[in-house]
PDB file of N, CA and C in Angstrom:
ATOM      1  N   MET A   1     -16.622 -86.708  63.393  1.00  0.00           N
ATOM      2  CA  MET A   1     -16.440 -88.134  62.789  1.00  0.00           C
ATOM      3  C   MET A   1     -17.894 -88.734  62.423  1.00  0.00           C
ATOM      4  N   LEU A   2     -17.753 -89.113  60.991  1.00  0.00           N
ATOM      5  CA  LEU A   2     -18.705 -89.629  60.509  1.00  0.00           C
ATOM      6  C   LEU A   2     -19.136 -91.155  60.572  1.00  0.00           C
ATOM      7  N   LYS A   3     -20.283 -91.612  61.008  1.00  0.00           N
ATOM      8  CA  LYS A   3     -20.265 -93.136  61.393  1.00  0.00           C
ATOM      9  C   LYS A   3     -21.163 -93.545  60.105  1.00  0.00           C
ATOM     10  N   VAL A   4     -20.510 -94.641  59.563  1.00  0.00           N
ATOM     11  CA  VAL A   4     -21.459 -95.314  58.199  1.00  0.00           C
ATOM     12  C   VAL A   4     -21.994 -96.489  58.706  1.00  0.00           C
ATOM     13  N   ILE A   5     -23.264 -96.610  58.567  1.00  0.00           N
ATOM     14  CA  ILE A   5     -24.029 -98.205  58.457  1.00  0.00           C
ATOM     15  C   ILE A   5     -24.778 -98.237  57.137  1.00  0.00           C
ATOM     16  N   ASP A   6     -24.124 -99.382  57.019  1.00  0.00           N
ATOM     17  CA  ASP A   6     -24.752-100.104  55.702  1.00  0.00           C
ATOM     18  C   ASP A   6     -25.894-101.054  55.849  1.00  0.00           C
ATOM     19  N   ILE A   7     -27.043-100.661  55.665  1.00  0.00           N
ATOM     20  CA  ILE A   7     -28.478-101.450  55.799  1.00  0.00           C
ATOM     21  C   ILE A   7     -28.943-102.021  54.702  1.00  0.00           C
ATOM     22  N   GLY A   8     -28.469-101.461  53.466  1.00  0.00           N
ATOM     23  CA  GLY A   8     -28.856-101.686  52.122  1.00  0.00           C
ATOM     24  C   GLY A   8     -28.429-102.785  51.547  1.00  0.00           C
ATOM     25  N   HIS A   9     -27.212-103.480  52.134  1.00  0.00           N
ATOM     26  CA  HIS A   9     -26.917-104.562  51.278  1.00  0.00           C
ATOM     27  C   HIS A   9     -26.553-105.974  52.215  1.00  0.00           C
ATOM     28  N   LYS A  10     -27.290-105.927  53.331  1.00  0.00           N
ATOM     29  CA  LYS A  10     -27.384-107.261  54.217  1.00  0.00           C
ATOM     30  C   LYS A  10     -28.641-108.143  53.916  1.00  0.00           C
ATOM     31  N   ASN A  11     -29.395-107.926  52.971  1.00  0.00           N
ATOM     32  CA  ASN A  11     -30.554-108.729  52.840  1.00  0.00           C
ATOM     33  C   ASN A  11     -31.381-108.568  54.181  1.00  0.00           C
ATOM     34  N   TYR A  12     -31.571-107.570  54.885  1.00  0.00           N
ATOM     35  CA  TYR A  12     -32.524-107.224  56.036  1.00  0.00           C
ATOM     36  C   TYR A  12     -33.659-107.106  55.225  1.00  0.00           C
ATOM     37  N   GLY A  13     -34.923-107.619  56.097  1.00  0.00           N
ATOM     38  CA  GLY A  13     -36.227-107.082  55.932  1.00  0.00           C
ATOM     39  C   GLY A  13     -36.531-105.790  55.940  1.00  0.00           C
ATOM     40  N   LEU A  14     -37.553-105.036  55.659  1.00  0.00           N
ATOM     41  CA  LEU A  14     -37.333-103.723  56.089  1.00  0.00           C
ATOM     42  C   LEU A  14     -37.728-103.517  57.467  1.00  0.00           C
ATOM     43  N   ASP A  15     -38.478-104.490  58.430  1.00  0.00           N
ATOM     44  CA  ASP A  15     -38.521-104.276  59.780  1.00  0.00           C
ATOM     45  C   ASP A  15     -37.248-104.199  60.343  1.00  0.00           C
ATOM     46  N   THR A  16     -36.678-105.232  59.933  1.00  0.00           N
ATOM     47  CA  THR A  16     -35.085-105.613  60.546  1.00  0.00           C
ATOM     48  C   THR A  16     -34.200-104.366  60.362  1.00  0.00           C
ATOM     49  N   ALA A  17     -34.009-103.915  59.164  1.00  0.00           N
ATOM     50  CA  ALA A  17     -33.375-102.905  58.832  1.00  0.00           C
ATOM     51  C   ALA A  17     -33.625-101.759  59.404  1.00  0.00           C
ATOM     52  N   ILE A  18     -34.843-101.093  59.837  1.00  0.00           N
ATOM     53  CA  ILE A  18     -35.117 -99.807  60.823  1.00  0.00           C
ATOM     54  C   ILE A  18     -34.967-100.405  62.011  1.00  0.00           C
ATOM     55  N   ALA A  19     -34.815-101.658  62.688  1.00  0.00           N
ATOM     56  CA  ALA A  19     -34.594-102.010  63.728  1.00  0.00           C
ATOM     57  C   ALA A  19     -32.973-101.373  63.987  1.00  0.00           C
ATOM     58  N   VAL A  20     -32.252-102.061  62.944  1.00  0.00           N
ATOM     59  CA  VAL A  20     -30.819-102.009  63.189  1.00  0.00           C
ATOM     60  C   VAL A  20     -30.424-100.466  63.225  1.00  0.00           C
ATOM     61  N   LEU A  21     -31.249 -99.578  62.531  1.00  0.00           N
ATOM     62  CA  LEU A  21     -30.992 -98.087  62.149  1.00  0.00           C
ATOM     63  C   LEU A  21     -31.235 -97.579  63.506  1.00  0.00           C
ATOM     64  N   GLU A  22     -32.269 -98.192  64.122  1.00  0.00           N
ATOM     65  CA  GLU A  22     -32.677 -97.017  65.420  1.00  0.00           C
ATOM     66  C   GLU A  22     -31.807 -97.649  66.751  1.00  0.00           C
ATOM     67  N   ALA A  23     -31.441 -99.125  66.681  1.00  0.00           N
ATOM     68  CA  ALA A  23     -30.290 -99.297  67.564  1.00  0.00           C
ATOM     69  C   ALA A  23     -29.168 -98.395  67.308  1.00  0.00           C
ATOM     70  N   GLU A  24     -28.583 -98.360  66.244  1.00  0.00           N
ATOM     71  CA  GLU A  24     -27.528 -97.504  65.872  1.00  0.00           C
ATOM     72  C   GLU A  24     -27.618 -96.433  66.084  1.00  0.00           C
ATOM     73  N   VAL A  25     -28.499 -95.717  65.870  1.00  0.00           N
ATOM     74  CA  VAL A  25     -28.710 -94.401  66.348  1.00  0.00           C
ATOM     75  C   VAL A  25     -28.997 -94.073  67.761  1.00  0.00           C
ATOM     76  N   SER A  26     -29.554 -94.797  68.431  1.00  0.00           N
ATOM     77  CA  SER A  26     -29.738 -94.858  70.077  1.00  0.00           C
ATOM     78  C   SER A  26     -28.595 -95.146  70.676  1.00  0.00           C
ATOM     79  N   LYS A  27     -27.606 -96.029  70.029  1.00  0.00           N
ATOM     80  CA  LYS A  27     -26.285 -96.373  70.730  1.00  0.00           C
ATOM     81  C   LYS A  27     -25.361 -94.691  70.391  1.00  0.00           C
ATOM     82  N   MET A  28     -25.682 -94.267  69.036  1.00  0.00           N
ATOM     83  CA  MET A  28     -24.729 -93.150  69.002  1.00  0.00           C
ATOM     84  C   MET A  28     -24.938 -92.318  69.975  1.00  0.00           C
ATOM     85  N   ILE A  29     -26.241 -91.831  69.999  1.00  0.00           N
ATOM     86  CA  ILE A  29     -26.771 -90.796  71.298  1.00  0.00           C
ATOM     87  C   ILE A  29     -26.247 -91.276  72.493  1.00  0.00           C
ATOM     88  N   TYR A  30     -26.371 -92.171  73.166  1.00  0.00           N
ATOM     89  CA  TYR A  30     -26.099 -92.747  74.268  1.00  0.00           C
ATOM     90  C   TYR A  30     -24.732 -92.447  74.557  1.00  0.00           C
ATOM     91  N   ASN A  31     -24.046 -93.039  73.479  1.00  0.00           N
ATOM     92  CA  ASN A  31     -22.484 -92.858  73.823  1.00  0.00           C
ATOM     93  C   ASN A  31     -21.578 -91.967  73.391  1.00  0.00           C
ATOM     94  N   GLY A  32     -22.266 -90.616  72.638  1.00  0.00           N
ATOM     95  CA  GLY A  32     -21.782 -89.594  72.165  1.00  0.00           C
ATOM     96  C   GLY A  32     -20.626 -89.907  71.299  1.00  0.00           C
ATOM     97  N   GLU A  33     -20.748 -91.006  70.899  1.00  0.00           N
ATOM     98  CA  GLU A  33     -19.421 -91.366  69.897  1.00  0.00           C
ATOM     99  C   GLU A  33     -19.190 -90.570  68.497  1.00  0.00           C
ATOM    100  N   SER A  34     -20.237 -90.050  67.890  1.00  0.00           N
ATOM    101  CA  SER A  34     -20.464 -89.164  66.699  1.00  0.00           C
ATOM    102  C   SER A  34     -21.563 -88.370  66.682  1.00  0.00           C
ATOM    103  N   LYS A  35     -21.321 -87.291  65.977  1.00  0.00           N
ATOM    104  CA  LYS A  35     -22.575 -86.349  65.483  1.00  0.00           C
ATOM    105  C   LYS A  35     -23.016 -86.556  64.181  1.00  0.00           C
ATOM    106  N   ALA A  36     -22.581 -87.322  63.357  1.00  0.00           N
ATOM    107  CA  ALA A  36     -23.340 -87.418  62.409  1.00  0.00           C
ATOM    108  C   ALA A  36     -23.201 -88.903  61.727  1.00  0.00           C
ATOM    109  N   MET A  37     -24.257 -89.375  61.126  1.00  0.00           N
ATOM    110  CA  MET A  37     -24.229 -90.818  60.461  1.00  0.00           C
ATOM    111  C   MET A  37     -24.749 -90.829  59.177  1.00  0.00           C
ATOM    112  N   LYS A  38     -24.086 -91.740  57.901  1.00  0.00           N
ATOM    113  CA  LYS A  38     -24.101 -91.946  56.797  1.00  0.00           C
ATOM    114  C   LYS A  38     -24.759 -93.374  57.028  1.00  0.00           C
ATOM    115  N   ILE A  39     -26.092 -93.394  56.317  1.00  0.00           N
ATOM    116  CA  ILE A  39     -27.069 -94.718  56.239  1.00  0.00           C
ATOM    117  C   ILE A  39     -26.824 -94.975  54.844  1.00  0.00           C
ATOM    118  N   ILE A  40     -26.587 -95.948  54.514  1.00  0.00           N
ATOM    119  CA  ILE A  40     -26.301 -96.816  53.024  1.00  0.00           C
ATOM    120  C   ILE A  40     -27.542 -97.912  52.926  1.00  0.00           C
ATOM    121  N   HIS A  41     -28.846 -96.927  52.224  1.00  0.00           N
ATOM    122  CA  HIS A  41     -29.756 -98.215  52.018  1.00  0.00           C
ATOM    123  C   HIS A  41     -29.992 -98.095  50.630  1.00  0.00           C
ATOM    124  N   GLY A  42     -29.164 -97.951  49.736  1.00  0.00           N
ATOM    125  CA  GLY A  42     -28.962 -98.527  48.271  1.00  0.00           C
ATOM    126  C   GLY A  42     -30.333 -98.089  47.606  1.00  0.00           C
ATOM    127  N   HIS A  43     -30.144 -98.412  46.464  1.00  0.00           N
ATOM    128  CA  HIS A  43     -31.238 -97.926  45.354  1.00  0.00           C
ATOM    129  C   HIS A  43     -32.225 -99.079  45.443  1.00  0.00           C
ATOM    130  N   GLY A  44     -31.889-100.149  44.960  1.00  0.00           N
ATOM    131  CA  GLY A  44     -32.700-101.358  45.169  1.00  0.00           C
ATOM    132  C   GLY A  44     -34.127-100.818  44.277  1.00  0.00           C
ATOM    133  N   THR A  45     -35.446-101.387  44.832  1.00  0.00           N
ATOM    134  CA  THR A  45     -36.643-100.750  44.648  1.00  0.00           C
ATOM    135  C   THR A  45     -37.226 -99.666  45.233  1.00  0.00           C
ATOM    136  N   GLY A  46     -36.082 -98.833  46.070  1.00  0.00           N
ATOM    137  CA  GLY A  46     -36.504 -97.807  46.590  1.00  0.00           C
ATOM    138  C   GLY A  46     -37.344 -98.045  48.232  1.00  0.00           C
ATOM    139  N   ALA A  47     -37.829 -98.937  48.472  1.00  0.00           N
ATOM    140  CA  ALA A  47     -38.713 -99.296  49.495  1.00  0.00           C
ATOM    141  C   ALA A  47     -37.687 -98.960  50.720  1.00  0.00           C
ATOM    142  N   LEU A  48     -36.615 -99.497  50.743  1.00  0.00           N
ATOM    143  CA  LEU A  48     -35.844 -99.401  51.907  1.00  0.00           C
ATOM    144  C   LEU A  48     -35.333 -97.853  52.060  1.00  0.00           C
ATOM    145  N   LYS A  49     -34.927 -97.117  50.964  1.00  0.00           N
ATOM    146  CA  LYS A  49     -34.963 -95.748  51.029  1.00  0.00           C
ATOM    147  C   LYS A  49     -36.057 -95.049  51.589  1.00  0.00           C
ATOM    148  N   ASP A  50     -37.289 -95.181  51.193  1.00  0.00           N
ATOM    149  CA  ASP A  50     -38.368 -94.581  51.721  1.00  0.00           C
ATOM    150  C   ASP A  50     -38.802 -95.168  53.037  1.00  0.00           C
ATOM    151  N   ALA A  51     -38.465 -96.169  53.666  1.00  0.00           N
ATOM    152  CA  ALA A  51     -38.758 -96.592  55.129  1.00  0.00           C
ATOM    153  C   ALA A  51     -37.841 -95.856  55.795  1.00  0.00           C
ATOM    154  N   VAL A  52     -36.418 -95.664  55.615  1.00  0.00           N
ATOM    155  CA  VAL A  52     -35.580 -94.732  56.038  1.00  0.00           C
ATOM    156  C   VAL A  52     -35.937 -93.454  56.219  1.00  0.00           C
ATOM    157  N   ARG A  53     -36.276 -93.006  55.261  1.00  0.00           N
ATOM    158  CA  ARG A  53     -36.647 -91.527  55.201  1.00  0.00           C
ATOM    159  C   ARG A  53     -37.872 -91.049  55.733  1.00  0.00           C
ATOM    160  N   GLU A  54     -38.824 -92.172  55.995  1.00  0.00           N
ATOM    161  CA  GLU A  54     -40.225 -91.891  56.749  1.00  0.00           C
ATOM    162  C   GLU A  54     -39.834 -91.969  58.243  1.00  0.00           C
ATOM    163  N   TRP A  55     -39.057 -93.062  58.525  1.00  0.00           N
ATOM    164  CA  TRP A  55     -38.433 -93.140  60.066  1.00  0.00           C
ATOM    165  C   TRP A  55     -37.915 -92.028  60.559  1.00  0.00           C
ATOM    166  N   CYS A  56     -36.944 -91.619  59.669  1.00  0.00           N
ATOM    167  CA  CYS A  56     -36.361 -90.209  60.089  1.00  0.00           C
ATOM    168  C   CYS A  56     -37.327 -89.113  60.104  1.00  0.00           C
ATOM    169  N   ALA A  57     -38.205 -88.821  59.271  1.00  0.00           N
ATOM    170  CA  ALA A  57     -39.351 -87.910  59.311  1.00  0.00           C
ATOM    171  C   ALA A  57     -40.132 -88.162  60.692  1.00  0.00           C
ATOM    172  N   GLY A  58     -40.502 -89.288  61.126  1.00  0.00           N
ATOM    173  CA  GLY A  58     -41.057 -89.426  62.260  1.00  0.00           C
ATOM    174  C   GLY A  58     -40.257 -89.210  63.966  1.00  0.00           C
ATOM    175  N   GLN A  59     -39.073 -89.033  63.388  1.00  0.00           N
ATOM    176  CA  GLN A  59     -38.353 -88.730  64.654  1.00  0.00           C
ATOM    177  C   GLN A  59     -38.329 -87.260  64.942  1.00  0.00           C
ATOM    178  N   SER A  60     -39.096 -86.587  64.674  1.00  0.00           N
ATOM    179  CA  SER A  60     -39.225 -84.860  64.989  1.00  0.00           C
ATOM    180  C   SER A  60     -38.528 -84.477  66.272  1.00  0.00           C
ATOM    181  N   GLY A  61     -37.738 -83.709  65.876  1.00  0.00           N
ATOM    182  CA  GLY A  61     -36.948 -82.996  67.273  1.00  0.00           C
ATOM    183  C   GLY A  61     -35.858 -83.639  67.644  1.00  0.00           C
ATOM    184  N   ARG A  62     -35.511 -85.410  67.348  1.00  0.00           N
ATOM    185  CA  ARG A  62     -34.508 -85.915  67.444  1.00  0.00           C
ATOM    186  C   ARG A  62     -33.447 -85.622  67.048  1.00  0.00           C
ATOM    187  N   PHE A  63     -33.341 -85.083  66.017  1.00  0.00           N
ATOM    188  CA  PHE A  63     -31.859 -84.820  64.938  1.00  0.00           C
ATOM    189  C   PHE A  63     -31.808 -83.180  64.518  1.00  0.00           C
ATOM    190  N   LYS A  64     -31.005 -82.700  64.452  1.00  0.00           N
ATOM    191  CA  LYS A  64     -30.420 -81.410  63.923  1.00  0.00           C
ATOM    192  C   LYS A  64     -30.909 -81.479  62.680  1.00  0.00           C
ATOM    193  N   ALA A  65     -30.638 -82.354  61.822  1.00  0.00           N
ATOM    194  CA  ALA A  65     -31.006 -82.408  60.128  1.00  0.00           C
ATOM    195  C   ALA A  65     -31.276 -83.818  59.921  1.00  0.00           C
ATOM    196  N   VAL A  66     -31.891 -84.206  58.600  1.00  0.00           N
ATOM    197  CA  VAL A  66     -31.992 -85.261  57.801  1.00  0.00           C
ATOM    198  C   VAL A  66     -31.477 -84.698  56.735  1.00  0.00           C
ATOM    199  N   ILE A  67     -30.379 -85.049  55.911  1.00  0.00           N
ATOM    200  CA  ILE A  67     -29.911 -84.703  54.286  1.00  0.00           C
ATOM    201  C   ILE A  67     -30.126 -85.692  53.825  1.00  0.00           C
ATOM    202  N   PHE A  68     -30.777 -85.594  52.487  1.00  0.00           N
ATOM    203  CA  PHE A  68     -30.914 -86.976  51.573  1.00  0.00           C
ATOM    204  C   PHE A  68     -29.595 -86.846  50.720  1.00  0.00           C
ATOM    205  N   GLY A  69     -28.794 -87.771  50.008  1.00  0.00           N
ATOM    206  CA  GLY A  69     -27.854 -88.072  49.598  1.00  0.00           C
ATOM    207  C   GLY A  69     -27.895 -87.055  48.492  1.00  0.00           C
ATOM    208  N   GLU A  70     -29.255 -87.031  47.570  1.00  0.00           N
ATOM    209  CA  GLU A  70     -29.277 -86.300  46.186  1.00  0.00           C
ATOM    210  C   GLU A  70     -28.986 -84.617  46.736  1.00  0.00           C
ATOM    211  N   ASP A  71     -29.132 -84.176  48.133  1.00  0.00           N
ATOM    212  CA  ASP A  71     -29.192 -83.014  48.307  1.00  0.00           C
ATOM    213  C   ASP A  71     -27.776 -82.480  49.032  1.00  0.00           C
ATOM    214  N   TYR A  72     -26.602 -83.622  49.074  1.00  0.00           N
ATOM    215  CA  TYR A  72     -25.562 -83.231  50.149  1.00  0.00           C
ATOM    216  C   TYR A  72     -24.735 -82.936  49.445  1.00  0.00           C
ATOM    217  N   ASP A  73     -24.542 -81.355  49.138  1.00  0.00           N
ATOM    218  CA  ASP A  73     -23.406 -80.671  48.329  1.00  0.00           C
ATOM    219  C   ASP A  73     -23.225 -79.173  48.718  1.00  0.00           C
ATOM    220  N   MET A  74     -22.199 -78.549  48.258  1.00  0.00           N
ATOM    221  CA  MET A  74     -21.700 -77.409  48.637  1.00  0.00           C
ATOM    222  C   MET A  74     -22.814 -76.334  48.959  1.00  0.00           C
ATOM    223  N   PHE A  75     -24.146 -76.588  47.796  1.00  0.00           N
ATOM    224  CA  PHE A  75     -24.922 -75.705  48.307  1.00  0.00           C
ATOM    225  C   PHE A  75     -26.034 -75.726  48.933  1.00  0.00           C
ATOM    226  N   HIS A  76     -26.098 -76.942  49.708  1.00  0.00           N
ATOM    227  CA  HIS A  76     -27.236 -77.293  50.811  1.00  0.00           C
ATOM    228  C   HIS A  76     -26.681 -76.662  52.186  1.00  0.00           C
ATOM    229  N   GLN A  77     -27.545 -75.983  52.624  1.00  0.00           N
ATOM    230  CA  GLN A  77     -27.173 -75.380  53.895  1.00  0.00           C
ATOM    231  C   GLN A  77     -26.870 -76.053  54.968  1.00  0.00           C
ATOM    232  N   ASP A  78     -27.687 -77.199  55.236  1.00  0.00           N
ATOM    233  CA  ASP A  78     -27.448 -77.861  56.368  1.00  0.00           C
ATOM    234  C   ASP A  78     -26.351 -79.106  56.093  1.00  0.00           C
ATOM    235  N   SER A  79     -26.162 -79.180  54.824  1.00  0.00           N
ATOM    236  CA  SER A  79     -24.990 -80.161  54.593  1.00  0.00           C
ATOM    237  C   SER A  79     -23.646 -79.513  54.875  1.00  0.00           C
ATOM    238  N   MET A  80     -23.590 -78.070  54.426  1.00  0.00           N
ATOM    239  CA  MET A  80     -22.296 -77.433  54.897  1.00  0.00           C
ATOM    240  C   MET A  80     -22.383 -77.245  56.189  1.00  0.00           C
ATOM    241  N   ALA A  81     -23.342 -76.810  56.975  1.00  0.00           N
ATOM    242  CA  ALA A  81     -23.242 -76.580  58.262  1.00  0.00           C
ATOM    243  C   ALA A  81     -23.050 -77.756  59.240  1.00  0.00           C
ATOM    244  N   MET A  82     -23.275 -79.016  58.894  1.00  0.00           N
ATOM    245  CA  MET A  82     -23.076 -80.525  59.373  1.00  0.00           C
ATOM    246  C   MET A  82     -21.696 -80.724  59.044  1.00  0.00           C
ATOM    247  N   ARG A  83     -21.501 -80.794  58.141  1.00  0.00           N
ATOM    248  CA  ARG A  83     -19.646 -80.968  57.730  1.00  0.00           C
ATOM    249  C   ARG A  83     -18.545 -79.906  58.589  1.00  0.00           C
ATOM    250  N   SER A  84     -19.115 -78.676  58.542  1.00  0.00           N
ATOM    251  CA  SER A  84     -18.224 -77.926  59.255  1.00  0.00           C
ATOM    252  C   SER A  84     -18.375 -78.109  60.830  1.00  0.00           C
ATOM    253  N   ALA A  85     -19.735 -78.142  61.486  1.00  0.00           N
ATOM    254  CA  ALA A  85     -19.627 -78.412  63.103  1.00  0.00           C
ATOM    255  C   ALA A  85     -19.126 -79.722  63.394  1.00  0.00           C
ATOM    256  N   CYS A  86     -19.147 -80.840  62.441  1.00  0.00           N
ATOM    257  CA  CYS A  86     -18.912 -82.272  62.903  1.00  0.00           C
ATOM    258  C   CYS A  86     -17.419 -82.562  62.292  1.00  0.00           C
ATOM    259  N   GLY A  87     -16.755 -81.669  62.018  1.00  0.00           N
ATOM    260  CA  GLY A  87     -15.380 -81.605  61.431  1.00  0.00           C
ATOM    261  C   GLY A  87     -15.189 -82.746  60.457  1.00  0.00           C
ATOM    262  N   LEU A  88     -16.147 -82.978  59.377  1.00  0.00           N
ATOM    263  CA  LEU A  88     -16.319 -83.906  58.683  1.00  0.00           C
ATOM    264  C   LEU A  88     -15.359 -84.459  57.531  1.00  0.00           C
ATOM    265  N   PRO A  89     -14.412 -85.315  57.460  1.00  0.00           N
ATOM    266  CA  PRO A  89     -13.509 -85.534  56.235  1.00  0.00           C
ATOM    267  C   PRO A  89     -14.353 -85.366  55.055  1.00  0.00           C
ATOM    268  N   ASP A  90     -13.519 -85.693  53.791  1.00  0.00           N
ATOM    269  CA  ASP A  90     -13.968 -85.703  52.585  1.00  0.00           C
ATOM    270  C   ASP A  90     -14.928 -87.033  52.693  1.00  0.00           C
ATOM    271  N   ASP A  91     -15.792 -86.720  51.831  1.00  0.00           N
ATOM    272  CA  ASP A  91     -16.972 -88.086  52.012  1.00  0.00           C
ATOM    273  C   ASP A  91     -17.032 -88.200  50.223  1.00  0.00           C
ATOM    274  N   GLU A  92     -16.945 -89.359  49.844  1.00  0.00           N
ATOM    275  CA  GLU A  92     -17.114 -89.617  48.006  1.00  0.00           C
ATOM    276  C   GLU A  92     -18.435 -89.461  47.615  1.00  0.00           C
ATOM    277  N   ASP A  93     -19.382 -89.429  48.590  1.00  0.00           N
ATOM    278  CA  ASP A  93     -20.594 -89.142  48.005  1.00  0.00           C
ATOM    279  C   ASP A  93     -20.983 -87.619  48.156  1.00  0.00           C
ATOM    280  N   PHE A  94     -20.249 -86.630  48.736  1.00  0.00           N
ATOM    281  CA  PHE A  94     -20.459 -85.014  48.751  1.00  0.00           C
ATOM    282  C   PHE A  94     -20.427 -84.572  47.338  1.00  0.00           C
ATOM    283  N   GLY A  95     -21.665 -83.957  47.114  1.00  0.00           N
ATOM    284  CA  GLY A  95     -21.721 -83.441  45.861  1.00  0.00           C
ATOM    285  C   GLY A  95     -21.965 -84.540  44.505  1.00  0.00           C
ATOM    286  N   ARG A  96     -22.376 -85.717  45.020  1.00  0.00           N
ATOM    287  CA  ARG A  96     -22.641 -86.660  43.867  1.00  0.00           C
ATOM    288  C   ARG A  96     -24.126 -86.894  43.645  1.00  0.00           C
ATOM    289  N   GLN A  97     -24.816 -86.285  44.283  1.00  0.00           N
ATOM    290  CA  GLN A  97     -26.321 -86.551  44.250  1.00  0.00           C
ATOM    291  C   GLN A  97     -26.870 -88.069  44.291  1.00  0.00           C
ATOM    292  N   ASN A  98     -26.450 -88.477  45.272  1.00  0.00           N
ATOM    293  CA  ASN A  98     -26.250 -90.201  45.450  1.00  0.00           C
ATOM    294  C   ASN A  98     -27.525 -90.260  46.540  1.00  0.00           C
ATOM    295  N   SER A  99     -28.737 -90.757  45.646  1.00  0.00           N
ATOM    296  CA  SER A  99     -29.833 -90.853  46.391  1.00  0.00           C
ATOM    297  C   SER A  99     -30.088 -92.270  47.172  1.00  0.00           C
ATOM    298  N   ALA A 100     -28.726 -92.826  46.882  1.00  0.00           N
ATOM    299  CA  ALA A 100     -28.664 -94.393  47.701  1.00  0.00           C
ATOM    300  C   ALA A 100     -28.402 -94.117  49.314  1.00  0.00           C
ATOM    301  N   VAL A 101     -28.359 -93.047  49.653  1.00  0.00           N
ATOM    302  CA  VAL A 101     -27.536 -92.374  51.115  1.00  0.00           C
ATOM    303  C   VAL A 101     -28.368 -91.527  51.680  1.00  0.00           C
ATOM    304  N   THR A 102     -28.739 -91.430  53.214  1.00  0.00           N
ATOM    305  CA  THR A 102     -28.944 -90.618  53.595  1.00  0.00           C
ATOM    306  C   THR A 102     -28.333 -90.188  54.777  1.00  0.00           C
ATOM    307  N   TYR A 103     -28.137 -88.828  55.223  1.00  0.00           N
ATOM    308  CA  TYR A 103     -27.384 -88.564  56.480  1.00  0.00           C
ATOM    309  C   TYR A 103     -28.184 -88.125  57.758  1.00  0.00           C
ATOM    310  N   ILE A 104     -27.958 -88.277  58.788  1.00  0.00           N
ATOM    311  CA  ILE A 104     -28.632 -87.589  59.980  1.00  0.00           C
ATOM    312  C   ILE A 104     -27.596 -87.033  60.546  1.00  0.00           C
ATOM    313  N   TRP A 105     -27.580 -85.737  60.986  1.00  0.00           N
ATOM    314  CA  TRP A 105     -26.935 -85.011  61.890  1.00  0.00           C
ATOM    315  C   TRP A 105     -27.688 -84.706  63.394  1.00  0.00           C
ATOM    316  N   LEU A 106     -26.902 -85.364  64.007  1.00  0.00           N
ATOM    317  CA  LEU A 106     -27.480 -85.336  65.650  1.00  0.00           C
ATOM    318  C   LEU A 106     -27.330 -84.144  66.125  1.00  0.00           C
ATOM    319  N   GLY A 107     -26.527 -83.051  65.765  1.00  0.00           N
ATOM    320  CA  GLY A 107     -26.241 -81.800  66.451  1.00  0.00           C
ATOM    321  C   GLY A 107     -25.437 -81.710  67.498  1.00  0.00           C
TER     322      GLY A 107
END
């Protein structure tokens, strides 16, 4: 199952958006409800995308992989491994090089 959270279209400030992201990831881990998350941060100025990706980079060891939307395709090893391991359904952003999303594989 792929959990989708949209923090890019809620008019959150950066701190609030990252707090919501942290809460959702923590809840997923605690509940074991899903092994993969799609974060919609949008294009905008790029500030939220950068903040999300910096936050993910700071979570060293917490995730099996962090996959940028622009890399999410059949030629990306982690993308294919995550889709297979998590039994993910078709995703409209698969293979579209969409930099407005980031995926987290909890493993």
